[in-house]
Amino acid sequence: MLNKAKSFLDYVIIFLAGLNMDKTGKFEFLEHTADVYIAAHGKTLEEGFENAALSMFEVMTDTEKVSPDIEESVEVEAEDEYALLYSWLEALLVKFELQNMLYSKFKISNLDETSEGFRIKATVWGEKFNAEKHTQKVAVKAVTYHRMEMIKEIDKVTLEFILDI
């Protein structure tokens, strides 16, 4: 199938087409022509946010090879839940870009509504990128609001969003 690729974008599309859902059912890759369209699942909004972060790093590398050796705290605030998801993923992407950190474990301890909007307090675990250990998949340039959706059911949350690659 890879020999059908005529350009880098063709390669990315073919590569991502093989990644329908991770083995745990935490997220799935939806069909999109140029970027990465993800549906992250959880029993709660917190778990959905955790799985959204995991899916973003899975786009970049094999997260099973990212050791949770370094623990860091992350706090994000935003005016609504959509902006909170955007800010959460963006904060983690910035940590990757500036500190060369990959993450494989995420725990949101608080997701609160405040007088100004919403706030997340979380702990993330990972390690520095190591080219010999971490397979490079696709570079994520940005998180987008395009087609972002939050589907809340009684015992399930699905967060859909697109990553610009």
Protein backbone atom coordinates (compact mmCIF):
# COMPACT_ATOMS: atom_id res chain seq x y z
CA MET A 1 0.00 0.00 0.00
CA LEU A 2 2.85 2.42 0.81
CA ASN A 3 4.29 2.05 -2.68
CA LYS A 4 1.14 3.85 -3.96
CA ALA A 5 2.23 7.06 -2.24
CA LYS A 6 3.15 9.79 -4.73
CA SER A 7 3.84 12.55 -2.22
CA PHE A 8 4.47 13.02 1.48
CA LEU A 9 0.79 13.86 1.99
CA ASP A 10 -0.22 10.64 0.22
CA TYR A 11 2.10 8.74 2.56
CA VAL A 12 0.55 10.40 5.63
CA ILE A 13 -2.98 9.62 4.45
CA ILE A 14 -2.12 5.98 3.76
CA PHE A 15 -0.30 5.70 7.10
CA LEU A 16 -3.20 7.17 9.06
CA ALA A 17 -5.74 5.05 7.19
CA GLY A 18 -4.18 2.05 8.89
CA LEU A 19 -4.74 3.59 12.34
CA ASN A 20 -8.50 3.30 12.70
CA MET A 21 -8.65 2.73 16.46
CA ASP A 22 -6.11 2.10 19.15
CA LYS A 23 -6.16 -1.27 20.87
CA THR A 24 -7.88 0.04 24.00
CA GLY A 25 -10.79 1.88 22.38
CA LYS A 26 -9.65 5.15 23.98
CA PHE A 27 -9.64 6.97 20.64
CA GLU A 28 -10.04 6.44 16.93
CA PHE A 29 -8.81 8.15 13.81
CA LEU A 30 -11.64 9.39 11.62
CA GLU A 31 -11.48 9.96 7.88
CA HIS A 32 -10.02 13.29 6.79
CA THR A 33 -8.25 14.18 3.56
CA ALA A 34 -5.36 16.33 4.78
CA ASP A 35 -5.17 16.45 8.58
CA VAL A 36 -5.76 14.06 11.47
CA TYR A 37 -9.37 13.82 12.65
CA ILE A 38 -9.71 12.15 16.05
CA ALA A 39 -12.56 10.96 18.25
CA ALA A 40 -11.36 10.53 21.84
CA HIS A 41 -13.63 8.55 24.15
CA GLY A 42 -14.11 8.45 27.89
CA LYS A 43 -16.62 7.61 30.58
CA THR A 44 -16.20 11.17 31.88
CA LEU A 45 -15.12 14.48 30.38
CA GLU A 46 -11.84 14.16 32.30
CA GLU A 47 -11.14 10.74 30.79
CA GLY A 48 -12.04 12.08 27.35
CA PHE A 49 -9.49 14.88 27.76
CA GLU A 50 -6.86 12.37 28.92
CA ASN A 51 -7.50 10.17 25.88
CA ALA A 52 -7.46 13.20 23.56
CA ALA A 53 -3.94 13.97 24.80
CA LEU A 54 -2.88 10.34 24.39
CA SER A 55 -4.21 10.29 20.82
CA MET A 56 -2.28 13.44 19.91
CA PHE A 57 0.99 11.90 21.08
CA GLU A 58 0.13 8.63 19.32
CA VAL A 59 -0.04 10.61 16.07
CA MET A 60 3.56 11.74 16.74
CA THR A 61 5.08 8.48 18.08
CA ASP A 62 4.35 5.03 19.50
CA THR A 63 3.25 6.02 23.01
CA GLU A 64 3.85 2.49 24.31
CA LYS A 65 7.58 3.25 23.96
CA VAL A 66 7.33 6.51 25.96
CA SER A 67 8.34 5.74 29.55
CA PRO A 68 6.39 7.67 32.20
CA ASP A 69 9.62 8.61 34.04
CA ILE A 70 9.16 12.38 34.39
CA GLU A 71 6.10 13.74 36.19
CA GLU A 72 4.90 17.28 35.47
CA SER A 73 1.91 19.40 36.44
CA VAL A 74 -0.21 21.18 33.86
CA GLU A 75 -2.87 23.82 34.51
CA VAL A 76 -5.03 25.31 31.78
CA GLU A 77 -7.89 27.81 31.88
CA ALA A 78 -10.34 28.78 29.15
CA GLU A 79 -13.70 30.49 28.65
CA ASP A 80 -15.61 27.33 27.62
CA GLU A 81 -15.13 23.57 27.30
CA TYR A 82 -14.16 23.78 23.62
CA ALA A 83 -11.48 26.35 24.35
CA LEU A 84 -10.38 24.19 27.29
CA LEU A 85 -9.83 21.17 25.03
CA TYR A 86 -7.94 23.36 22.57
CA SER A 87 -5.81 24.92 25.33
CA TRP A 88 -5.12 21.54 26.97
CA LEU A 89 -3.82 19.99 23.76
CA GLU A 90 -1.96 23.16 22.78
CA ALA A 91 -0.21 23.33 26.19
CA LEU A 92 1.02 19.76 25.74
CA LEU A 93 2.10 20.42 22.16
CA VAL A 94 4.06 23.49 23.31
CA LYS A 95 5.79 21.36 25.97
CA PHE A 96 6.80 18.96 23.21
CA GLU A 97 8.08 21.76 20.98
CA LEU A 98 9.95 23.75 23.67
CA GLN A 99 11.12 21.01 26.03
CA ASN A 100 11.32 18.06 23.61
CA MET A 101 8.98 16.08 25.90
CA LEU A 102 6.79 13.17 24.87
CA TYR A 103 3.98 11.98 27.16
CA SER A 104 2.21 8.66 27.49
CA LYS A 105 0.19 8.99 30.70
CA PHE A 106 -2.29 11.71 31.66
CA LYS A 107 -4.40 12.21 34.79
CA ILE A 108 -6.76 15.14 35.20
CA SER A 109 -7.28 15.66 38.91
CA ASN A 110 -9.68 18.61 38.56
CA LEU A 111 -11.83 19.91 35.75
CA ASP A 112 -13.77 22.76 37.29
CA GLU A 113 -16.14 25.45 36.16
CA THR A 114 -14.97 28.81 37.50
CA SER A 115 -16.47 32.29 37.46
CA GLU A 116 -14.39 33.01 34.33
CA GLY A 117 -14.87 29.69 32.54
CA PHE A 118 -13.20 26.32 33.05
CA ARG A 119 -9.93 25.08 34.52
CA ILE A 120 -7.96 21.83 34.32
CA LYS A 121 -5.37 20.67 36.82
CA ALA A 122 -3.52 17.62 35.59
CA THR A 123 -0.43 15.50 35.97
CA VAL A 124 1.33 14.16 32.90
CA TRP A 125 4.12 11.61 32.67
CA GLY A 126 6.66 11.09 29.93
CA GLU A 127 10.27 11.45 28.90
CA LYS A 128 12.53 13.45 26.60
CA PHE A 129 12.37 12.56 22.92
CA ASN A 130 15.08 10.08 21.95
CA ALA A 131 15.39 9.39 18.20
CA GLU A 132 16.86 5.93 18.87
CA LYS A 133 13.90 4.92 21.04
CA HIS A 134 10.91 6.90 19.77
CA THR A 135 9.61 6.24 16.29
CA GLN A 136 8.79 9.48 14.51
CA LYS A 137 5.39 9.27 12.87
CA VAL A 138 3.75 12.56 11.84
CA ALA A 139 4.57 16.06 13.07
CA VAL A 140 1.62 17.87 14.62
CA LYS A 141 1.77 21.57 13.74
CA ALA A 142 -1.29 22.78 15.61
CA VAL A 143 -4.59 21.99 17.28
CA THR A 144 -7.63 23.43 15.49
CA TYR A 145 -11.21 24.32 16.34
CA HIS A 146 -12.35 23.07 12.93
CA ARG A 147 -15.06 20.38 13.34
CA MET A 148 -14.45 20.27 17.10
CA GLU A 149 -17.35 18.59 18.82
CA MET A 150 -18.21 17.31 22.30
CA ILE A 151 -20.79 14.57 22.43
CA LYS A 152 -21.94 13.97 26.00
CA GLU A 153 -24.08 10.96 26.82
CA ILE A 154 -25.05 9.54 30.23
CA ASP A 155 -22.02 7.28 30.60
CA LYS A 156 -19.85 8.25 27.64
CA VAL A 157 -18.13 11.34 26.26
CA THR A 158 -16.67 11.65 22.75
CA LEU A 159 -14.41 14.56 21.86
CA GLU A 160 -13.85 15.10 18.15
CA PHE A 161 -11.11 17.42 16.93
CA ILE A 162 -8.63 17.93 14.11
CA LEU A 163 -4.86 18.22 14.37
CA ASP A 164 -3.06 20.18 11.65
CA ILE A 165 -0.15 18.11 10.37
